[in-house]
Amino acid sequence: MIVYDIVVNGELKETIQPRKNRLKEIYDYMLEQTRLMKAKYGENVVITGRIVY
């Protein structure tokens, strides 16, 4: 399963998990989430992905 950590100024703020597993759906979901996180936290947002087993 793929999860994404939202890091602002070096501090982990939240972790989001896409509901779908298809890459195209994950890509569209993450584009939307990126816009929402930048609106919520400002421009200094880093999104990192990781795999959780």
C-alpha atoms as a PDB file:
ATOM      1  CA  MET A   1       0.000   0.000   0.000  1.00  0.00           C
ATOM      2  CA  ILE A   2       1.272   3.474  -0.855  1.00  0.00           C
ATOM      3  CA  VAL A   3       0.918   6.331   1.637  1.00  0.00           C
ATOM      4  CA  TYR A   4       1.999   9.953   1.355  1.00  0.00           C
ATOM      5  CA  ASP A   5       3.450  12.068   4.148  1.00  0.00           C
ATOM      6  CA  ILE A   6       2.809  15.820   4.168  1.00  0.00           C
ATOM      7  CA  VAL A   7       5.908  17.607   5.507  1.00  0.00           C
ATOM      8  CA  VAL A   8       5.872  21.344   6.244  1.00  0.00           C
ATOM      9  CA  ASN A   9       9.114  23.049   7.326  1.00  0.00           C
ATOM     10  CA  GLY A  10      10.655  19.669   8.169  1.00  0.00           C
ATOM     11  CA  GLU A  11       7.746  18.617  10.411  1.00  0.00           C
ATOM     12  CA  LEU A  12       5.363  15.775   9.530  1.00  0.00           C
ATOM     13  CA  LYS A  13       1.846  17.226   9.535  1.00  0.00           C
ATOM     14  CA  GLU A  14      -0.293  14.368   8.247  1.00  0.00           C
ATOM     15  CA  THR A  15      -0.303  11.140   6.272  1.00  0.00           C
ATOM     16  CA  ILE A  16      -2.792  10.483   3.499  1.00  0.00           C
ATOM     17  CA  GLN A  17      -3.658   7.179   1.869  1.00  0.00           C
ATOM     18  CA  PRO A  18      -5.318   6.913  -1.543  1.00  0.00           C
ATOM     19  CA  ARG A  19      -8.393   4.681  -1.534  1.00  0.00           C
ATOM     20  CA  LYS A  20      -7.710   3.247  -4.991  1.00  0.00           C
ATOM     21  CA  ASN A  21      -4.693   1.179  -6.021  1.00  0.00           C
ATOM     22  CA  ARG A  22      -4.621   1.941  -9.751  1.00  0.00           C
ATOM     23  CA  LEU A  23      -1.756   4.256 -10.694  1.00  0.00           C
ATOM     24  CA  LYS A  24      -3.874   6.554 -12.864  1.00  0.00           C
ATOM     25  CA  GLU A  25      -6.396   7.042 -10.054  1.00  0.00           C
ATOM     26  CA  ILE A  26      -3.613   7.607  -7.501  1.00  0.00           C
ATOM     27  CA  TYR A  27      -2.022  10.201  -9.804  1.00  0.00           C
ATOM     28  CA  ASP A  28      -5.277  12.142 -10.190  1.00  0.00           C
ATOM     29  CA  TYR A  29      -5.960  11.908  -6.449  1.00  0.00           C
ATOM     30  CA  MET A  30      -2.488  13.199  -5.559  1.00  0.00           C
ATOM     31  CA  LEU A  31      -2.754  16.147  -7.975  1.00  0.00           C
ATOM     32  CA  GLU A  32      -5.937  17.181  -6.198  1.00  0.00           C
ATOM     33  CA  GLN A  33      -4.413  16.620  -2.740  1.00  0.00           C
ATOM     34  CA  THR A  34      -1.314  18.626  -3.660  1.00  0.00           C
ATOM     35  CA  ARG A  35      -3.461  21.639  -4.506  1.00  0.00           C
ATOM     36  CA  LEU A  36      -5.448  21.244  -1.279  1.00  0.00           C
ATOM     37  CA  MET A  37      -2.335  20.884   0.902  1.00  0.00           C
ATOM     38  CA  LYS A  38      -0.686  23.951  -0.637  1.00  0.00           C
ATOM     39  CA  ALA A  39      -3.854  25.932   0.042  1.00  0.00           C
ATOM     40  CA  LYS A  40      -3.995  24.610   3.613  1.00  0.00           C
ATOM     41  CA  TYR A  41      -0.304  24.849   4.619  1.00  0.00           C
ATOM     42  CA  GLY A  42       1.198  27.330   2.123  1.00  0.00           C
ATOM     43  CA  GLU A  43       3.870  26.874  -0.514  1.00  0.00           C
ATOM     44  CA  ASN A  44       6.477  25.215   1.717  1.00  0.00           C
ATOM     45  CA  VAL A  45       4.895  21.748   1.443  1.00  0.00           C
ATOM     46  CA  VAL A  46       6.849  18.592   0.598  1.00  0.00           C
ATOM     47  CA  ILE A  47       4.949  15.410  -0.216  1.00  0.00           C
ATOM     48  CA  THR A  48       6.881  12.178   0.141  1.00  0.00           C
ATOM     49  CA  GLY A  49       5.602   8.749  -0.766  1.00  0.00           C
ATOM     50  CA  ARG A  50       6.389   5.473   0.914  1.00  0.00           C
ATOM     51  CA  ILE A  51       5.243   1.877   0.740  1.00  0.00           C
ATOM     52  CA  VAL A  52       3.761   0.242   3.830  1.00  0.00           C
ATOM     53  CA  TYR A  53       3.486  -3.530   3.936  1.00  0.00           C
END
